[in-house]
Amino acid sequence: MTGLTTGYLDLLAVRFLNGLTCAFMFAPGQSLLLKWFRTGEKSFASGIYITSPYIGIPLPVFLSPIIVLYFGSWRYPFWIFALFPIFAGVVGFFLMRDPPKTTPTRPKISRSKKSLKNASIGSDITSLLKNKLLWYNNMYRFGLIFSVLGAMSWAPKYLVSELQFSLVYAGFVSVLLMAPGIVGGPLGGATADRIMKRNAPTCLIGTLAYCFIPLYIAFSSMTPLVIIVVFFLYGFFNAFAEAPALAMFDELGFEKRMLGSALGISNFIAQIGGAMAPALFGLAIDLTGSFSYGWTLMGLTPLTLNAFALLLIYEGR
């Protein structure tokens, strides 16, 4: 639908709907994964799970400039890439199943019982919003998503404007902010499961590694080779930190039946960061005329919010 838009308002509406529908997939998917795997396996499994966006997001960033140059219109990438989620949705609908032991036959519910059930949903949400451990995790993930999506949004412009990359080469190098997560996510999960034996310390290691990278970009002179290495490390350590952050959700002190709701709340908070970051990065450029302040913001925000990982460590997670 994005490729069919003709103005700013309908583009805004379509992109809103796109984000809304995409968000529906995260919480149920991660919730199922945490039910399928045992303790000692969940972090590595989460690392494998999150490789999907680390493949699916950078691939269009890399291919879109090529498609635009070939077809002569910005609309074609949206039309072409729309085919893949349609196919995946149809296949997933028929193949994905809840774990048999956690999927009882759903009885018919009378109207009065439905009302009670709806009331319990409200009490569950209230209980989750009062859970301090969940909020520690939420704020930590806010910093993760804030940094990587802000960087992804402005990396192509930075590379073209500051390093005089071609549009196609800028798209290729920008992929490195996500693609190394294919390795970083599973490795972060394996580190949490097999070496650290805990999730929060692994999160702390990953965040301390990657939040200094945008600060390095902000205050150092970049060359093409250096920026390739730096972007690779950025993508690697972001995923390294994300996998154990997702795996710890069933350790945060709420009932397992609330797992999907907790993941939904967390993703909502994290995506607020993802929505704010590109706008704030752009505002920093407009106010200062420099990319340096934007990169500084991408580094200081997760570095500050890393304090919540320390609180999770203190709580034994």
Protein backbone atom coordinates (compact mmCIF):
# COMPACT_ATOMS: atom_id res chain seq x y z
CA MET A 1 0.00 0.00 0.00
CA THR A 2 2.94 2.36 0.63
CA GLY A 3 3.81 2.20 -3.05
CA LEU A 4 0.30 3.39 -3.95
CA THR A 5 0.30 6.54 -1.81
CA THR A 6 0.13 9.95 -3.47
CA GLY A 7 0.59 12.39 -0.57
CA TYR A 8 2.03 12.86 2.88
CA LEU A 9 -1.15 12.15 4.86
CA ASP A 10 -2.00 8.89 3.15
CA LEU A 11 1.66 7.84 3.38
CA LEU A 12 1.59 8.60 7.11
CA ALA A 13 -1.61 6.58 7.56
CA VAL A 14 -0.29 3.59 5.64
CA ARG A 15 3.02 3.55 7.51
CA PHE A 16 1.11 3.76 10.81
CA LEU A 17 -0.96 0.75 9.84
CA ASN A 18 2.17 -1.08 8.72
CA GLY A 19 3.85 -0.51 12.07
CA LEU A 20 0.70 -1.51 13.92
CA THR A 21 0.37 -4.84 12.13
CA CYS A 22 4.10 -5.61 12.40
CA ALA A 23 3.95 -5.07 16.16
CA PHE A 24 1.30 -7.79 16.45
CA MET A 25 3.91 -10.45 15.63
CA PHE A 26 6.53 -9.76 18.28
CA ALA A 27 4.82 -10.56 21.58
CA PRO A 28 3.08 -13.80 20.52
CA GLY A 29 6.22 -15.04 18.78
CA GLN A 30 8.57 -14.45 21.71
CA SER A 31 5.95 -15.76 24.14
CA LEU A 32 5.73 -19.04 22.23
CA LEU A 33 9.49 -19.33 22.12
CA LEU A 34 9.83 -18.95 25.89
CA LYS A 35 7.24 -21.70 26.32
CA TRP A 36 8.93 -24.05 23.87
CA PHE A 37 12.42 -23.99 25.42
CA ARG A 38 13.77 -24.82 28.85
CA THR A 39 15.93 -22.72 31.16
CA GLY A 40 19.47 -22.83 29.83
CA GLU A 41 18.19 -22.82 26.24
CA LYS A 42 15.96 -19.75 26.11
CA SER A 43 18.62 -17.09 25.57
CA PHE A 44 20.22 -18.93 22.67
CA ALA A 45 16.79 -19.63 21.19
CA SER A 46 15.93 -15.92 21.56
CA GLY A 47 19.18 -15.08 19.80
CA ILE A 48 18.17 -17.28 16.86
CA TYR A 49 14.67 -15.77 16.87
CA ILE A 50 15.87 -12.18 16.62
CA THR A 51 18.03 -12.94 13.60
CA SER A 52 14.87 -12.56 11.51
CA PRO A 53 14.71 -8.74 11.75
CA TYR A 54 18.48 -8.56 11.47
CA ILE A 55 18.07 -10.21 8.07
CA GLY A 56 14.72 -8.73 7.05
CA ILE A 57 15.44 -5.08 7.90
CA PRO A 58 18.88 -4.56 6.33
CA LEU A 59 18.15 -6.55 3.16
CA PRO A 60 15.68 -3.96 1.78
CA VAL A 61 18.02 -1.14 2.88
CA PHE A 62 20.68 -2.70 0.68
CA LEU A 63 18.47 -3.67 -2.26
CA SER A 64 16.11 -0.68 -2.39
CA PRO A 65 18.59 1.77 -4.00
CA ILE A 66 19.38 -0.84 -6.66
CA ILE A 67 15.69 -1.44 -7.36
CA VAL A 68 14.97 2.31 -7.51
CA LEU A 69 17.83 2.88 -9.94
CA TYR A 70 16.72 -0.06 -12.11
CA PHE A 71 12.98 0.73 -12.27
CA GLY A 72 13.25 4.51 -11.91
CA SER A 73 10.69 4.85 -9.11
CA TRP A 74 10.75 4.69 -5.33
CA ARG A 75 7.47 2.74 -5.37
CA TYR A 76 8.85 -0.54 -6.69
CA PRO A 77 10.76 -1.65 -3.56
CA PHE A 78 7.55 -1.46 -1.53
CA TRP A 79 5.64 -3.54 -4.08
CA ILE A 80 8.37 -6.14 -4.42
CA PHE A 81 9.10 -6.58 -0.73
CA ALA A 82 5.39 -6.83 0.08
CA LEU A 83 5.37 -10.31 -1.47
CA PHE A 84 7.64 -11.80 1.20
CA PRO A 85 5.53 -11.07 4.32
CA ILE A 86 2.39 -12.21 2.49
CA PHE A 87 4.03 -15.55 1.75
CA ALA A 88 5.45 -15.84 5.29
CA GLY A 89 2.08 -15.01 6.84
CA VAL A 90 0.25 -17.71 4.88
CA VAL A 91 2.91 -20.34 5.63
CA GLY A 92 3.11 -19.38 9.31
CA PHE A 93 -0.67 -19.52 9.71
CA PHE A 94 -0.73 -23.17 8.71
CA LEU A 95 2.52 -24.34 10.33
CA MET A 96 2.81 -22.44 13.65
CA ARG A 97 1.31 -24.17 16.70
CA ASP A 98 1.15 -23.48 20.40
CA PRO A 99 2.90 -26.08 22.59
CA PRO A 100 0.31 -28.88 23.05
CA LYS A 101 0.63 -28.87 26.84
CA THR A 102 -0.15 -25.15 27.06
CA THR A 103 -3.01 -25.11 24.56
CA PRO A 104 -6.10 -26.57 26.25
CA THR A 105 -9.38 -26.84 24.42
CA ARG A 106 -11.13 -23.52 24.82
CA PRO A 107 -14.57 -24.00 26.46
CA LYS A 108 -17.62 -21.95 25.56
CA ILE A 109 -17.89 -18.95 27.88
CA SER A 110 -21.13 -17.33 28.92
CA ARG A 111 -21.57 -13.55 28.67
CA SER A 112 -21.14 -13.09 32.42
CA LYS A 113 -17.90 -15.11 32.43
CA LYS A 114 -16.65 -13.10 29.48
CA SER A 115 -17.17 -9.96 31.50
CA LEU A 116 -15.18 -11.47 34.35
CA LYS A 117 -12.44 -12.46 31.92
CA ASN A 118 -12.27 -8.93 30.54
CA ALA A 119 -12.02 -7.57 34.05
CA SER A 120 -9.13 -9.95 34.79
CA ILE A 121 -7.28 -8.67 31.72
CA GLY A 122 -7.42 -5.18 33.20
CA SER A 123 -6.11 -6.45 36.54
CA ASP A 124 -3.32 -8.34 34.77
CA ILE A 125 -2.21 -5.19 32.95
CA THR A 126 -2.34 -3.22 36.19
CA SER A 127 -0.24 -5.88 37.90
CA LEU A 128 2.34 -5.80 35.11
CA LEU A 129 2.55 -2.01 35.17
CA LYS A 130 3.39 -2.23 38.88
CA ASN A 131 6.16 -4.78 38.31
CA LYS A 132 9.45 -2.95 38.82
CA LEU A 133 11.55 -5.68 37.20
CA LEU A 134 9.50 -5.42 34.04
CA TRP A 135 10.05 -1.66 34.02
CA TYR A 136 13.79 -2.14 34.47
CA ASN A 137 13.77 -4.36 31.39
CA ASN A 138 11.48 -1.98 29.48
CA MET A 139 13.74 1.00 30.01
CA TYR A 140 16.84 -0.99 29.17
CA ARG A 141 15.29 -2.13 25.88
CA PHE A 142 14.12 1.44 25.20
CA GLY A 143 17.79 2.41 25.02
CA LEU A 144 18.66 -0.52 22.74
CA ILE A 145 15.95 0.19 20.18
CA PHE A 146 16.40 3.95 20.43
CA SER A 147 20.04 3.69 19.46
CA VAL A 148 19.88 1.17 16.64
CA LEU A 149 16.82 2.61 14.88
CA GLY A 150 18.11 6.14 15.17
CA ALA A 151 21.40 5.03 13.65
CA MET A 152 19.68 3.03 10.89
CA SER A 153 17.50 5.99 9.93
CA TRP A 154 20.34 8.45 9.46
CA ALA A 155 23.26 6.24 8.47
CA PRO A 156 22.65 6.44 4.68
CA LYS A 157 22.38 10.24 4.79
CA TYR A 158 25.49 10.44 6.97
CA LEU A 159 27.50 8.25 4.61
CA VAL A 160 26.44 10.18 1.51
CA SER A 161 26.85 13.66 3.04
CA GLU A 162 29.92 13.20 5.23
CA LEU A 163 31.90 10.46 3.47
CA GLN A 164 30.68 11.04 -0.10
CA PHE A 165 29.52 7.45 -0.56
CA SER A 166 27.34 6.66 -3.55
CA LEU A 167 23.70 5.88 -2.79
CA VAL A 168 24.13 2.16 -3.49
CA TYR A 169 27.36 1.89 -1.46
CA ALA A 170 25.75 3.80 1.42
CA GLY A 171 22.89 1.29 1.41
CA PHE A 172 25.35 -1.59 1.49
CA VAL A 173 27.36 -0.18 4.41
CA SER A 174 24.21 0.78 6.35
CA VAL A 175 23.22 -2.89 6.32
CA LEU A 176 26.11 -3.49 8.71
CA LEU A 177 24.14 -1.79 11.50
CA MET A 178 21.80 -4.80 11.49
CA ALA A 179 23.22 -7.74 9.54
CA PRO A 180 25.93 -8.71 12.08
CA GLY A 181 23.08 -9.40 14.49
CA ILE A 182 22.71 -12.70 12.65
CA VAL A 183 25.82 -13.75 14.57
CA GLY A 184 25.60 -11.41 17.56
CA GLY A 185 22.15 -12.53 18.71
CA PRO A 186 22.88 -16.27 18.95
CA LEU A 187 26.31 -15.59 20.45
CA GLY A 188 24.81 -13.29 23.10
CA GLY A 189 22.21 -15.93 23.91
CA ALA A 190 24.82 -18.69 24.11
CA THR A 191 26.95 -16.50 26.38
CA ALA A 192 24.01 -15.98 28.74
CA ASP A 193 23.05 -19.69 28.74
CA ARG A 194 26.45 -21.38 28.83
CA ILE A 195 29.04 -18.94 30.20
CA MET A 196 27.44 -16.25 32.36
CA LYS A 197 24.49 -18.45 33.35
CA ARG A 198 22.52 -15.19 33.78
CA ASN A 199 20.88 -12.76 31.40
CA ALA A 200 21.33 -9.30 32.90
CA PRO A 201 25.16 -9.40 33.12
CA THR A 202 25.28 -10.43 29.47
CA CYS A 203 23.03 -7.48 28.61
CA LEU A 204 25.41 -5.17 30.47
CA ILE A 205 28.45 -6.46 28.56
CA GLY A 206 26.74 -6.03 25.20
CA THR A 207 25.47 -2.54 25.92
CA LEU A 208 28.77 -1.26 27.30
CA ALA A 209 30.42 -2.52 24.11
CA TYR A 210 28.04 -0.97 21.61
CA CYS A 211 26.97 2.32 23.24
CA PHE A 212 30.52 3.68 22.94
CA ILE A 213 30.51 3.07 19.17
CA PRO A 214 28.26 6.05 18.21
CA LEU A 215 30.31 8.19 20.60
CA TYR A 216 33.41 7.12 18.72
CA ILE A 217 31.74 8.06 15.43
CA ALA A 218 30.78 11.45 16.87
CA PHE A 219 34.26 12.44 18.03
CA SER A 220 36.58 10.67 15.56
CA SER A 221 37.53 11.17 11.95
CA MET A 222 35.92 8.42 9.89
CA THR A 223 37.36 6.73 6.82
CA PRO A 224 35.48 4.19 4.65
CA LEU A 225 37.32 1.23 6.19
CA VAL A 226 36.88 2.46 9.76
CA ILE A 227 33.15 3.12 9.33
CA ILE A 228 32.64 -0.40 7.95
CA VAL A 229 34.33 -1.93 11.01
CA VAL A 230 32.49 0.39 13.41
CA PHE A 231 29.07 -0.28 11.88
CA PHE A 232 29.73 -4.03 12.00
CA LEU A 233 30.52 -3.88 15.73
CA TYR A 234 27.47 -1.67 16.32
CA GLY A 235 25.13 -4.26 14.80
CA PHE A 236 26.88 -7.20 16.42
CA PHE A 237 26.77 -5.95 20.01
CA ASN A 238 23.24 -4.56 19.76
CA ALA A 239 21.93 -8.03 18.97
CA PHE A 240 24.31 -9.56 21.53
CA ALA A 241 22.58 -7.48 24.22
CA GLU A 242 19.03 -7.92 22.89
CA ALA A 243 18.85 -11.73 23.02
CA PRO A 244 19.27 -12.14 26.81
CA ALA A 245 17.03 -9.12 27.43
CA LEU A 246 14.17 -10.97 25.72
CA ALA A 247 14.97 -14.33 27.30
CA MET A 248 14.63 -13.04 30.87
CA PHE A 249 10.93 -12.19 30.59
CA ASP A 250 9.71 -15.29 32.37
CA GLU A 251 12.11 -14.47 35.24
CA LEU A 252 10.59 -11.09 36.07
CA GLY A 253 8.14 -12.20 38.73
CA PHE A 254 4.75 -12.44 36.99
CA GLU A 255 2.60 -15.43 36.11
CA LYS A 256 3.36 -17.14 32.81
CA ARG A 257 -0.16 -16.51 31.55
CA MET A 258 0.80 -12.80 31.49
CA LEU A 259 3.87 -13.42 29.31
CA GLY A 260 2.30 -12.21 26.07
CA SER A 261 0.95 -9.06 27.73
CA ALA A 262 4.32 -8.32 29.34
CA LEU A 263 6.13 -8.68 26.02
CA GLY A 264 3.53 -6.46 24.36
CA ILE A 265 4.03 -3.73 26.97
CA SER A 266 7.80 -4.00 26.63
CA ASN A 267 7.69 -3.79 22.85
CA PHE A 268 5.42 -0.75 23.09
CA ILE A 269 7.89 1.04 25.36
CA ALA A 270 10.87 0.03 23.24
CA GLN A 271 9.22 1.17 20.01
CA ILE A 272 8.52 4.57 21.55
CA GLY A 273 12.29 4.84 21.70
CA GLY A 274 12.52 3.66 18.11
CA ALA A 275 10.03 6.32 17.02
CA MET A 276 11.69 9.12 18.97
CA ALA A 277 15.27 8.47 17.93
CA PRO A 278 15.12 9.37 14.20
CA ALA A 279 13.22 12.58 14.99
CA LEU A 280 15.65 13.61 17.72
CA PHE A 281 18.66 12.73 15.56
CA GLY A 282 17.23 14.91 12.78
CA LEU A 283 16.47 17.72 15.22
CA ALA A 284 20.07 17.62 16.44
CA ILE A 285 21.28 17.97 12.85
CA ASP A 286 18.91 20.89 12.18
CA LEU A 287 19.92 22.73 15.33
CA THR A 288 23.66 22.23 15.04
CA GLY A 289 24.33 21.52 11.37
CA SER A 290 26.37 18.50 12.40
CA PHE A 291 25.84 14.75 12.67
CA SER A 292 28.09 14.59 15.74
CA TYR A 293 25.39 15.59 18.22
CA GLY A 294 23.01 12.99 16.80
CA TRP A 295 25.58 10.23 17.17
CA THR A 296 26.33 11.44 20.69
CA LEU A 297 22.66 11.11 21.56
CA MET A 298 22.60 7.56 20.12
CA GLY A 299 25.44 6.65 22.47
CA LEU A 300 24.57 8.49 25.67
CA THR A 301 20.94 7.33 25.78
CA PRO A 302 21.65 3.57 26.01
CA LEU A 303 24.69 4.23 28.19
CA THR A 304 22.49 6.08 30.70
CA LEU A 305 19.68 3.52 30.57
CA ASN A 306 22.21 0.75 31.09
CA ALA A 307 21.75 1.58 34.78
CA PHE A 308 18.59 -0.53 34.60
CA ALA A 309 20.69 -3.55 33.61
CA LEU A 310 22.68 -2.95 36.80
CA LEU A 311 19.42 -2.96 38.77
CA LEU A 312 18.43 -6.26 37.15
CA ILE A 313 21.81 -7.71 38.11
CA TYR A 314 21.22 -6.49 41.68
CA GLU A 315 17.86 -8.28 41.64
CA GLY A 316 19.57 -11.53 40.61
CA ARG A 317 18.49 -11.70 36.97
